[in-house]
């Protein structure tokens, strides 16, 4: 049982290391190809603020009045 647990742990760590680029590099060593890969991967992150504003409705007009209103009867 202990051997199986250790083996599964080692396999999990090995797969995680390869997935994160520790054992094998994620990006190409050539500067030209690596720059293209980085541009392609960052293109999806460029639209996050626009998506965030659309989700939270930040681009909608503010319905509050721009001046102070007296709430009581004069």
N, C-alpha and C. Protein backbone atom coordinates (compact mmCIF):
# COMPACT_ATOMS: atom_id res chain seq x y z
N UNK A 1 0.83 -1.19 0.00
CA UNK A 1 0.00 0.00 0.00
C UNK A 1 0.87 1.25 0.00
N UNK A 2 1.92 1.27 0.79
CA UNK A 2 2.80 2.43 0.84
C UNK A 2 3.53 2.61 -0.48
N UNK A 3 3.93 1.50 -1.09
CA UNK A 3 4.63 1.59 -2.37
C UNK A 3 3.72 2.17 -3.45
N UNK A 4 2.47 1.74 -3.45
CA UNK A 4 1.52 2.24 -4.43
C UNK A 4 1.28 3.75 -4.23
N UNK A 5 1.17 4.16 -2.98
CA UNK A 5 0.95 5.58 -2.69
C UNK A 5 2.15 6.42 -3.12
N UNK A 6 3.35 5.93 -2.86
CA UNK A 6 4.56 6.64 -3.26
C UNK A 6 4.67 6.71 -4.78
N UNK A 7 4.36 5.61 -5.45
CA UNK A 7 4.42 5.57 -6.91
C UNK A 7 3.43 6.55 -7.52
N UNK A 8 2.22 6.58 -7.01
CA UNK A 8 1.22 7.52 -7.51
C UNK A 8 1.63 8.97 -7.25
N UNK A 9 2.24 9.22 -6.10
CA UNK A 9 2.71 10.57 -5.79
C UNK A 9 3.82 11.00 -6.73
N UNK A 10 4.76 10.09 -7.00
CA UNK A 10 5.86 10.41 -7.91
C UNK A 10 5.33 10.65 -9.32
N UNK A 11 4.38 9.83 -9.77
CA UNK A 11 3.80 10.02 -11.10
C UNK A 11 3.04 11.34 -11.19
N UNK A 12 2.30 11.67 -10.15
CA UNK A 12 1.57 12.93 -10.13
C UNK A 12 2.52 14.12 -10.18
N UNK A 13 3.59 14.07 -9.41
CA UNK A 13 4.58 15.15 -9.42
C UNK A 13 5.28 15.24 -10.78
N UNK A 14 5.57 14.11 -11.39
CA UNK A 14 6.23 14.12 -12.70
C UNK A 14 5.31 14.74 -13.76
N UNK A 15 4.04 14.35 -13.77
CA UNK A 15 3.10 14.92 -14.73
C UNK A 15 2.89 16.40 -14.49
N UNK A 16 2.86 16.82 -13.23
CA UNK A 16 2.70 18.23 -12.90
C UNK A 16 3.92 19.04 -13.35
N UNK A 17 5.11 18.48 -13.14
CA UNK A 17 6.34 19.18 -13.54
C UNK A 17 6.39 19.35 -15.06
N UNK A 18 6.00 18.34 -15.79
CA UNK A 18 6.01 18.44 -17.25
C UNK A 18 4.94 19.42 -17.71
N UNK A 19 3.80 19.42 -17.04
CA UNK A 19 2.71 20.32 -17.42
C UNK A 19 3.08 21.78 -17.19
N UNK A 20 3.81 22.08 -16.13
CA UNK A 20 4.20 23.46 -15.82
C UNK A 20 5.47 23.88 -16.53
N UNK A 21 6.09 23.01 -17.26
CA UNK A 21 7.28 23.38 -18.01
C UNK A 21 8.56 23.27 -17.21
N UNK A 22 8.56 22.54 -16.12
CA UNK A 22 9.77 22.40 -15.32
C UNK A 22 10.73 21.41 -15.98
N UNK A 23 10.23 20.26 -16.38
CA UNK A 23 11.09 19.24 -16.98
C UNK A 23 11.33 19.54 -18.46
N UNK A 24 10.28 19.92 -19.16
CA UNK A 24 10.39 20.30 -20.57
C UNK A 24 9.96 21.75 -20.69
N UNK A 25 10.73 22.60 -21.33
CA UNK A 25 10.34 24.01 -21.45
C UNK A 25 9.07 24.17 -22.29
N UNK A 26 8.24 25.10 -21.89
CA UNK A 26 6.99 25.33 -22.61
C UNK A 26 7.25 26.08 -23.90
N UNK A 27 8.15 27.08 -23.85
CA UNK A 27 8.39 27.94 -25.00
C UNK A 27 9.59 27.43 -25.80
N UNK A 28 9.59 27.74 -27.07
CA UNK A 28 10.65 27.35 -27.98
C UNK A 28 11.93 28.15 -27.66
N UNK A 29 13.11 27.55 -27.77
CA UNK A 29 14.33 28.30 -27.46
C UNK A 29 14.69 29.37 -28.49
N UNK A 30 14.17 29.28 -29.68
CA UNK A 30 14.43 30.29 -30.70
C UNK A 30 13.70 31.59 -30.35
N UNK A 31 14.40 32.73 -30.31
CA UNK A 31 13.76 33.98 -29.90
C UNK A 31 12.60 34.40 -30.81
N UNK A 32 12.72 34.16 -32.11
CA UNK A 32 11.65 34.56 -33.03
C UNK A 32 10.38 33.75 -32.79
N UNK A 33 10.53 32.45 -32.69
CA UNK A 33 9.36 31.59 -32.47
C UNK A 33 8.79 31.80 -31.08
N UNK A 34 9.67 32.00 -30.08
CA UNK A 34 9.21 32.23 -28.71
C UNK A 34 8.40 33.52 -28.61
N UNK A 35 8.84 34.58 -29.30
CA UNK A 35 8.09 35.84 -29.29
C UNK A 35 6.71 35.65 -29.90
N UNK A 36 6.63 34.91 -30.99
CA UNK A 36 5.33 34.65 -31.61
C UNK A 36 4.43 33.85 -30.67
N UNK A 37 5.00 32.84 -29.98
CA UNK A 37 4.22 32.04 -29.04
C UNK A 37 3.71 32.90 -27.89
N UNK A 38 4.53 33.78 -27.38
CA UNK A 38 4.12 34.64 -26.27
C UNK A 38 3.04 35.62 -26.70
N UNK A 39 3.14 36.14 -27.92
CA UNK A 39 2.11 37.04 -28.42
C UNK A 39 0.79 36.29 -28.57
N UNK A 40 0.82 35.10 -29.11
CA UNK A 40 -0.40 34.32 -29.27
C UNK A 40 -1.03 33.97 -27.93
N UNK A 41 -0.21 33.64 -26.94
CA UNK A 41 -0.78 33.26 -25.65
C UNK A 41 -1.30 34.47 -24.89
N UNK A 42 -0.75 35.66 -25.10
CA UNK A 42 -1.21 36.83 -24.36
C UNK A 42 -2.41 37.50 -25.03
N UNK A 43 -2.72 37.15 -26.27
CA UNK A 43 -3.85 37.77 -26.95
C UNK A 43 -5.16 37.49 -26.23
N UNK A 44 -5.30 36.29 -25.68
CA UNK A 44 -6.52 35.97 -24.96
C UNK A 44 -6.64 36.74 -23.66
N UNK A 45 -5.51 37.11 -23.04
CA UNK A 45 -5.55 37.84 -21.78
C UNK A 45 -5.82 39.32 -21.98
N UNK A 46 -5.64 39.82 -23.19
CA UNK A 46 -5.83 41.24 -23.46
C UNK A 46 -7.29 41.65 -23.32
N UNK A 47 -8.22 40.74 -23.53
CA UNK A 47 -9.64 41.07 -23.52
C UNK A 47 -10.28 40.90 -22.15
N UNK A 48 -9.53 40.54 -21.14
CA UNK A 48 -10.10 40.30 -19.81
C UNK A 48 -10.76 41.55 -19.23
N UNK A 49 -10.13 42.75 -19.29
CA UNK A 49 -10.83 43.92 -18.72
C UNK A 49 -12.16 44.23 -19.41
N UNK A 50 -12.23 44.04 -20.72
CA UNK A 50 -13.49 44.30 -21.43
C UNK A 50 -14.56 43.29 -21.01
N UNK A 51 -14.16 42.04 -20.85
CA UNK A 51 -15.12 41.01 -20.40
C UNK A 51 -15.57 41.32 -18.98
N UNK A 52 -14.64 41.76 -18.13
CA UNK A 52 -14.95 42.08 -16.73
C UNK A 52 -15.96 43.23 -16.68
N UNK A 53 -15.77 44.26 -17.49
CA UNK A 53 -16.71 45.38 -17.51
C UNK A 53 -18.08 44.94 -18.01
N UNK A 54 -18.10 44.08 -19.00
CA UNK A 54 -19.37 43.62 -19.53
C UNK A 54 -20.12 42.75 -18.52
N UNK A 55 -19.38 41.92 -17.78
CA UNK A 55 -20.02 41.05 -16.79
C UNK A 55 -20.61 41.86 -15.65
N UNK A 56 -19.87 42.85 -15.16
CA UNK A 56 -20.31 43.64 -14.01
C UNK A 56 -21.14 44.85 -14.42
N UNK A 57 -21.35 45.07 -15.71
CA UNK A 57 -22.17 46.19 -16.15
C UNK A 57 -21.53 47.53 -15.90
N UNK A 58 -20.22 47.62 -15.97
CA UNK A 58 -19.54 48.87 -15.67
C UNK A 58 -19.66 49.89 -16.79
N UNK A 59 -19.99 49.45 -18.00
CA UNK A 59 -20.09 50.40 -19.09
C UNK A 59 -21.49 51.00 -19.20
N UNK A 60 -22.41 50.56 -18.35
CA UNK A 60 -23.76 51.11 -18.37
C UNK A 60 -23.77 52.51 -17.77
N UNK A 61 -24.69 53.37 -18.19
CA UNK A 61 -24.72 54.72 -17.61
C UNK A 61 -25.15 54.67 -16.14
N UNK A 62 -24.64 55.61 -15.38
CA UNK A 62 -24.97 55.69 -13.96
C UNK A 62 -26.35 56.32 -13.81
N UNK A 63 -27.20 55.71 -13.03
CA UNK A 63 -28.57 56.21 -12.87
C UNK A 63 -28.67 57.20 -11.72
N UNK A 64 -27.63 57.36 -10.94
CA UNK A 64 -27.66 58.31 -9.84
C UNK A 64 -27.60 59.73 -10.40
N UNK A 65 -28.23 60.65 -9.67
CA UNK A 65 -28.22 62.03 -10.13
C UNK A 65 -26.85 62.65 -9.87
N UNK A 66 -26.39 63.52 -10.75
CA UNK A 66 -25.07 64.12 -10.57
C UNK A 66 -25.05 65.25 -9.55
N UNK A 67 -26.23 65.65 -9.00
CA UNK A 67 -26.29 66.73 -8.03
C UNK A 67 -27.04 66.23 -6.79
N UNK A 68 -26.86 66.93 -5.70
CA UNK A 68 -27.48 66.54 -4.43
C UNK A 68 -28.95 66.92 -4.45
N UNK A 69 -29.81 66.03 -4.02
CA UNK A 69 -31.24 66.24 -4.01
C UNK A 69 -31.73 66.31 -2.56
N UNK A 70 -32.56 67.27 -2.26
CA UNK A 70 -33.13 67.37 -0.91
C UNK A 70 -34.24 66.34 -0.81
N UNK A 71 -34.21 65.51 0.19
CA UNK A 71 -35.17 64.44 0.29
C UNK A 71 -36.42 64.79 1.05
N UNK A 72 -36.43 65.89 1.75
CA UNK A 72 -37.60 66.27 2.57
C UNK A 72 -38.54 67.22 1.86
N UNK A 73 -39.64 67.52 2.51
CA UNK A 73 -40.62 68.45 1.96
C UNK A 73 -40.21 69.84 2.38
N UNK A 74 -40.21 70.74 1.42
CA UNK A 74 -39.82 72.12 1.73
C UNK A 74 -41.06 72.93 2.08
